N, C-alpha and C. Protein backbone atom coordinates (compact mmCIF):
# COMPACT_ATOMS: atom_id res chain seq x y z
N MET A 1 69.11 106.80 94.56
CA MET A 1 70.33 107.36 94.91
C MET A 1 70.62 107.01 96.43
N LYS A 2 69.47 106.99 97.22
CA LYS A 2 69.64 106.63 98.59
C LYS A 2 70.13 105.13 98.85
N ILE A 3 69.72 104.31 97.97
CA ILE A 3 70.20 102.90 98.13
C ILE A 3 71.65 102.77 97.83
N VAL A 4 72.05 103.61 96.73
CA VAL A 4 73.50 103.50 96.35
C VAL A 4 74.31 104.07 97.46
N LYS A 5 73.92 105.17 98.08
CA LYS A 5 74.60 105.77 99.17
C LYS A 5 74.73 104.74 100.35
N ILE A 6 73.66 104.10 100.61
CA ILE A 6 73.71 103.06 101.81
C ILE A 6 74.67 101.88 101.44
N ILE A 7 74.61 101.49 100.24
CA ILE A 7 75.49 100.36 99.75
C ILE A 7 76.94 100.72 99.89
N ILE A 8 77.27 101.98 99.35
CA ILE A 8 78.64 102.49 99.40
C ILE A 8 79.10 102.73 100.79
N CYS A 9 78.28 103.26 101.66
CA CYS A 9 78.71 103.53 102.99
C CYS A 9 78.86 102.23 103.86
N VAL A 10 78.03 101.25 103.52
CA VAL A 10 78.14 99.94 104.29
C VAL A 10 79.41 99.20 103.79
N LEU A 11 79.70 99.22 102.53
CA LEU A 11 80.94 98.60 102.03
C LEU A 11 82.22 99.41 102.52
N PHE A 12 82.19 100.70 102.55
CA PHE A 12 83.23 101.59 103.11
C PHE A 12 83.47 101.14 104.57
N GLY A 13 82.36 101.09 105.31
CA GLY A 13 82.54 100.71 106.72
C GLY A 13 83.08 99.35 107.00
N LEU A 14 82.59 98.38 106.13
CA LEU A 14 83.07 97.01 106.21
C LEU A 14 84.59 96.94 105.91
N MET A 15 85.03 97.66 104.97
CA MET A 15 86.41 97.71 104.59
C MET A 15 87.29 98.11 105.82
N PHE A 16 86.82 99.20 106.49
CA PHE A 16 87.59 99.63 107.69
C PHE A 16 87.49 98.65 108.86
N ILE A 17 86.37 98.05 109.06
CA ILE A 17 86.22 97.06 110.11
C ILE A 17 87.20 95.86 109.77
N ASN A 18 87.18 95.40 108.62
CA ASN A 18 88.06 94.33 108.15
C ASN A 18 89.55 94.67 108.27
N ALA A 19 89.91 95.95 107.96
CA ALA A 19 91.34 96.33 108.13
C ALA A 19 91.69 96.43 109.59
N GLY A 20 90.83 96.88 110.43
CA GLY A 20 91.05 96.99 111.90
C GLY A 20 91.17 95.57 112.52
N LEU A 21 90.26 94.62 112.16
CA LEU A 21 90.33 93.39 112.63
C LEU A 21 91.56 92.65 112.23
N ASN A 22 91.98 92.96 110.93
CA ASN A 22 93.27 92.24 110.42
C ASN A 22 94.45 92.66 111.23
N LYS A 23 94.48 93.96 111.68
CA LYS A 23 95.58 94.39 112.56
C LYS A 23 95.71 93.66 113.92
N PHE A 24 94.55 93.26 114.32
CA PHE A 24 94.52 92.49 115.57
C PHE A 24 94.85 90.98 115.37
N PHE A 25 94.29 90.44 114.35
CA PHE A 25 94.34 88.97 114.21
C PHE A 25 95.15 88.45 112.99
N ASN A 26 95.72 89.35 112.14
CA ASN A 26 96.50 89.05 111.04
C ASN A 26 96.12 87.87 110.15
N TYR A 27 94.91 87.84 109.70
CA TYR A 27 94.40 86.73 108.93
C TYR A 27 94.50 86.96 107.37
N LEU A 28 94.87 88.16 106.94
CA LEU A 28 95.10 88.42 105.48
C LEU A 28 96.57 88.29 105.20
N PRO A 29 96.91 87.67 104.12
CA PRO A 29 98.35 87.54 103.68
C PRO A 29 98.91 88.94 103.36
N VAL A 30 100.19 89.15 103.80
CA VAL A 30 100.89 90.38 103.59
C VAL A 30 101.65 90.24 102.29
N PRO A 31 101.42 91.02 101.30
CA PRO A 31 102.14 91.07 100.00
C PRO A 31 103.64 91.37 100.30
N GLU A 32 104.49 91.01 99.34
CA GLU A 32 105.87 91.33 99.37
C GLU A 32 106.04 92.78 99.29
N LEU A 33 106.78 93.40 100.32
CA LEU A 33 106.88 94.82 100.34
C LEU A 33 108.24 95.25 99.93
N PRO A 34 108.39 96.40 99.25
CA PRO A 34 109.69 96.99 98.86
C PRO A 34 110.43 97.39 100.14
N ALA A 35 111.66 97.57 100.04
CA ALA A 35 112.52 98.02 101.24
C ALA A 35 112.07 99.28 102.01
N ASP A 36 111.65 100.27 101.19
CA ASP A 36 111.25 101.53 101.85
C ASP A 36 109.95 101.33 102.60
N GLN A 37 109.00 100.46 102.18
CA GLN A 37 107.84 100.20 102.95
C GLN A 37 108.09 99.28 104.14
N LEU A 38 109.08 98.38 103.99
CA LEU A 38 109.53 97.61 105.17
C LEU A 38 110.05 98.52 106.30
N LYS A 39 110.83 99.53 105.99
CA LYS A 39 111.44 100.49 106.89
C LYS A 39 110.25 101.20 107.64
N VAL A 40 109.15 101.60 106.81
CA VAL A 40 108.09 102.33 107.43
C VAL A 40 107.38 101.44 108.44
N MET A 41 107.06 100.20 107.99
CA MET A 41 106.34 99.25 108.85
C MET A 41 107.15 98.90 110.11
N ALA A 42 108.51 98.72 110.02
CA ALA A 42 109.33 98.49 111.14
C ALA A 42 109.29 99.72 112.11
N ALA A 43 109.33 100.98 111.59
CA ALA A 43 109.28 102.05 112.45
C ALA A 43 107.98 102.19 113.21
N LEU A 44 106.84 101.85 112.54
CA LEU A 44 105.54 101.90 113.10
C LEU A 44 105.39 100.78 114.21
N MET A 45 106.02 99.64 113.97
CA MET A 45 105.91 98.56 115.00
C MET A 45 106.82 98.85 116.22
N THR A 46 107.68 99.79 116.20
CA THR A 46 108.40 100.10 117.44
C THR A 46 107.58 100.84 118.45
N ILE A 47 106.46 101.46 118.06
CA ILE A 47 105.50 102.08 119.00
C ILE A 47 104.49 101.09 119.36
N PRO A 48 104.52 100.45 120.51
CA PRO A 48 103.65 99.34 120.79
C PRO A 48 102.08 99.63 120.89
N TRP A 49 101.80 100.86 121.19
CA TRP A 49 100.35 101.20 121.33
C TRP A 49 99.74 101.74 120.03
N LEU A 50 100.58 102.00 118.96
CA LEU A 50 100.04 102.64 117.73
C LEU A 50 99.12 101.78 116.93
N MET A 51 99.48 100.57 116.64
CA MET A 51 98.64 99.72 115.85
C MET A 51 97.40 99.24 116.54
N PRO A 52 97.34 98.91 117.88
CA PRO A 52 96.09 98.72 118.52
C PRO A 52 95.13 99.94 118.47
N LEU A 53 95.69 101.02 118.67
CA LEU A 53 94.92 102.31 118.63
C LEU A 53 94.35 102.50 117.30
N LEU A 54 95.24 102.35 116.20
CA LEU A 54 94.74 102.53 114.80
C LEU A 54 93.68 101.44 114.47
N ALA A 55 93.91 100.24 114.87
CA ALA A 55 92.88 99.19 114.60
C ALA A 55 91.58 99.48 115.35
N SER A 56 91.67 99.90 116.57
CA SER A 56 90.41 100.24 117.28
C SER A 56 89.63 101.36 116.69
N MET A 57 90.43 102.34 116.25
CA MET A 57 89.66 103.51 115.61
C MET A 57 89.14 103.13 114.17
N GLU A 58 89.76 102.19 113.49
CA GLU A 58 89.28 101.77 112.28
C GLU A 58 87.96 100.98 112.47
N ILE A 59 87.95 100.06 113.49
CA ILE A 59 86.72 99.35 113.78
C ILE A 59 85.56 100.18 114.20
N ILE A 60 85.84 101.01 115.14
CA ILE A 60 84.86 101.92 115.74
C ILE A 60 84.30 102.90 114.50
N GLY A 61 85.24 103.49 113.76
CA GLY A 61 84.88 104.37 112.72
C GLY A 61 84.09 103.69 111.62
N GLY A 62 84.55 102.50 111.27
CA GLY A 62 83.86 101.74 110.23
C GLY A 62 82.48 101.31 110.63
N THR A 63 82.33 100.93 111.86
CA THR A 63 81.03 100.52 112.45
C THR A 63 80.09 101.77 112.40
N LEU A 64 80.55 102.93 112.93
CA LEU A 64 79.74 104.19 112.88
C LEU A 64 79.40 104.57 111.44
N PHE A 65 80.37 104.36 110.57
CA PHE A 65 80.16 104.87 109.22
C PHE A 65 79.04 103.95 108.51
N ALA A 66 78.94 102.66 108.78
CA ALA A 66 78.03 101.74 108.14
C ALA A 66 76.57 102.00 108.69
N ILE A 67 76.49 102.57 109.87
CA ILE A 67 75.13 102.76 110.42
C ILE A 67 74.75 104.23 110.08
N PRO A 68 73.51 104.36 109.41
CA PRO A 68 73.06 105.69 108.88
C PRO A 68 72.98 106.71 109.98
N LYS A 69 72.46 106.35 111.12
CA LYS A 69 72.21 107.36 112.17
C LYS A 69 73.54 107.99 112.72
N THR A 70 74.62 107.16 112.61
CA THR A 70 75.94 107.58 113.23
C THR A 70 76.96 107.81 112.16
N ARG A 71 76.52 107.91 110.93
CA ARG A 71 77.42 108.12 109.72
C ARG A 71 78.32 109.29 109.80
N ALA A 72 77.68 110.39 110.28
CA ALA A 72 78.36 111.68 110.34
C ALA A 72 79.53 111.62 111.32
N LEU A 73 79.38 110.94 112.49
CA LEU A 73 80.43 110.81 113.43
C LEU A 73 81.50 109.82 112.87
N GLY A 74 81.05 108.73 112.22
CA GLY A 74 82.01 107.76 111.61
C GLY A 74 82.90 108.40 110.59
N ALA A 75 82.34 109.34 109.80
CA ALA A 75 83.06 109.99 108.81
C ALA A 75 84.22 110.91 109.38
N ILE A 76 83.95 111.43 110.57
CA ILE A 76 84.93 112.32 111.27
C ILE A 76 86.00 111.48 111.90
N VAL A 77 85.55 110.36 112.44
CA VAL A 77 86.54 109.36 113.08
C VAL A 77 87.47 108.80 112.06
N ILE A 78 86.92 108.50 110.96
CA ILE A 78 87.82 107.82 109.83
C ILE A 78 88.66 108.90 109.09
N PHE A 79 88.33 110.20 109.15
CA PHE A 79 89.07 111.11 108.30
C PHE A 79 90.55 111.22 108.64
N PRO A 80 91.05 111.26 109.89
CA PRO A 80 92.54 111.26 110.01
C PRO A 80 93.20 110.00 109.61
N ILE A 81 92.45 108.88 109.64
CA ILE A 81 93.03 107.62 109.18
C ILE A 81 93.13 107.72 107.71
N MET A 82 92.16 108.25 107.05
CA MET A 82 92.06 108.36 105.62
C MET A 82 93.08 109.32 105.04
N VAL A 83 93.31 110.35 105.76
CA VAL A 83 94.43 111.27 105.42
C VAL A 83 95.83 110.58 105.40
N GLY A 84 96.06 109.73 106.56
CA GLY A 84 97.26 109.00 106.60
C GLY A 84 97.35 107.99 105.45
N ILE A 85 96.35 107.34 105.15
CA ILE A 85 96.37 106.36 103.96
C ILE A 85 96.73 107.12 102.71
N LEU A 86 96.01 108.21 102.44
CA LEU A 86 96.32 108.96 101.29
C LEU A 86 97.77 109.47 101.12
N LEU A 87 98.28 110.03 102.32
CA LEU A 87 99.59 110.47 102.29
C LEU A 87 100.63 109.38 102.14
N HIS A 88 100.35 108.19 102.68
CA HIS A 88 101.19 107.06 102.56
C HIS A 88 101.29 106.64 101.04
N HIS A 89 100.09 106.67 100.35
CA HIS A 89 100.12 106.24 98.97
C HIS A 89 100.76 107.35 98.13
N LEU A 90 100.63 108.49 98.50
CA LEU A 90 101.27 109.63 97.74
C LEU A 90 102.85 109.60 97.81
N THR A 91 103.28 109.17 99.00
CA THR A 91 104.75 109.30 99.23
C THR A 91 105.46 107.97 99.12
N VAL A 92 104.93 106.90 99.62
CA VAL A 92 105.64 105.61 99.73
C VAL A 92 105.17 104.55 98.73
N ALA A 93 103.90 104.41 98.58
CA ALA A 93 103.30 103.33 97.75
C ALA A 93 102.32 103.85 96.72
N PRO A 94 102.83 104.53 95.61
CA PRO A 94 102.00 105.18 94.67
C PRO A 94 101.08 104.18 93.94
N GLU A 95 101.37 102.87 93.91
CA GLU A 95 100.55 101.90 93.15
C GLU A 95 99.18 101.82 93.73
N GLY A 96 98.85 102.19 94.92
CA GLY A 96 97.55 102.04 95.58
C GLY A 96 96.79 103.39 95.60
N ILE A 97 97.29 104.43 94.90
CA ILE A 97 96.73 105.81 95.05
C ILE A 97 95.28 105.82 94.52
N ILE A 98 94.95 105.09 93.51
CA ILE A 98 93.53 105.14 92.99
C ILE A 98 92.53 104.82 94.04
N MET A 99 92.76 103.68 94.64
CA MET A 99 91.83 103.26 95.74
C MET A 99 91.79 104.22 96.96
N ALA A 100 92.95 104.75 97.20
CA ALA A 100 93.01 105.78 98.38
C ALA A 100 92.21 107.00 97.99
N VAL A 101 92.35 107.47 96.81
CA VAL A 101 91.64 108.64 96.37
C VAL A 101 90.10 108.39 96.40
N ILE A 102 89.68 107.13 95.89
CA ILE A 102 88.33 106.88 95.82
C ILE A 102 87.69 106.81 97.26
N LEU A 103 88.44 106.17 98.21
CA LEU A 103 87.96 106.11 99.56
C LEU A 103 87.97 107.50 100.25
N PHE A 104 88.95 108.32 99.90
CA PHE A 104 89.01 109.68 100.40
C PHE A 104 87.91 110.51 99.89
N ALA A 105 87.56 110.36 98.64
CA ALA A 105 86.46 111.08 98.05
C ALA A 105 85.04 110.62 98.63
N ILE A 106 84.92 109.38 98.94
CA ILE A 106 83.69 108.84 99.59
C ILE A 106 83.58 109.48 101.01
N ASN A 107 84.71 109.53 101.74
CA ASN A 107 84.72 110.14 103.07
C ASN A 107 84.33 111.61 102.98
N ILE A 108 84.97 112.34 102.16
CA ILE A 108 84.66 113.77 101.99
C ILE A 108 83.17 113.98 101.57
N TRP A 109 82.76 113.16 100.64
CA TRP A 109 81.27 113.31 100.29
C TRP A 109 80.39 113.05 101.43
N ILE A 110 80.61 112.11 102.27
CA ILE A 110 79.71 111.95 103.36
C ILE A 110 79.85 113.00 104.38
N ILE A 111 81.05 113.55 104.65
CA ILE A 111 81.22 114.69 105.51
C ILE A 111 80.49 115.87 105.05
N PHE A 112 80.56 116.20 103.74
CA PHE A 112 79.83 117.31 103.22
C PHE A 112 78.32 117.02 103.19
N ASP A 113 77.90 115.75 102.90
CA ASP A 113 76.51 115.41 102.96
C ASP A 113 75.82 115.63 104.32
N ASN A 114 76.63 115.51 105.39
CA ASN A 114 76.17 115.58 106.79
C ASN A 114 76.60 116.90 107.41
N CYS A 115 76.89 117.97 106.60
CA CYS A 115 77.45 119.19 107.23
C CYS A 115 76.40 119.84 108.16
N GLY A 116 75.05 119.62 107.83
CA GLY A 116 74.03 120.20 108.65
C GLY A 116 74.12 119.66 110.12
N LYS A 117 74.51 118.36 110.29
CA LYS A 117 74.59 117.79 111.61
C LYS A 117 75.73 118.34 112.37
N TYR A 118 76.80 118.70 111.67
CA TYR A 118 77.98 119.34 112.40
C TYR A 118 77.65 120.75 112.81
N GLU A 119 76.86 121.50 112.07
CA GLU A 119 76.51 122.76 112.47
C GLU A 119 75.66 122.77 113.67
N LEU A 120 74.87 121.83 114.00
CA LEU A 120 74.07 121.73 115.16
C LEU A 120 75.00 121.49 116.35
N ILE A 121 76.05 120.81 116.19
CA ILE A 121 77.07 120.54 117.31
C ILE A 121 77.82 121.85 117.58
N MET A 122 78.17 122.63 116.51
CA MET A 122 78.91 123.81 116.76
C MET A 122 78.13 124.95 117.39
N LYS A 123 76.80 124.97 117.39
CA LYS A 123 76.04 126.17 117.99
C LYS A 123 75.86 125.99 119.40
């Protein structure tokens, strides 16, 4: 089970690293988006600091998540991004909800798996 957890966490972290790097370098093709999603993307692009911040947090969080020693911190860093992804797919793009729910479940699993580390911080 430990090997499976390591593989899942490394893949999860690499997905977020890839997503963050894509926000900086735009190397993945963008699929054809419906009008409502184009409006959302246009609104997000009007805030010049938002995408670089989001990309940086995805890269940092994904890197922390992939490393076992820092996985607890990475799960917390990725959590707000994951909530945003989940809400986006619930409201705007329901076709991607399955992957969003799977990634959210992995994130929650790692947070609960490391709850002992968070208790040390709180004391």
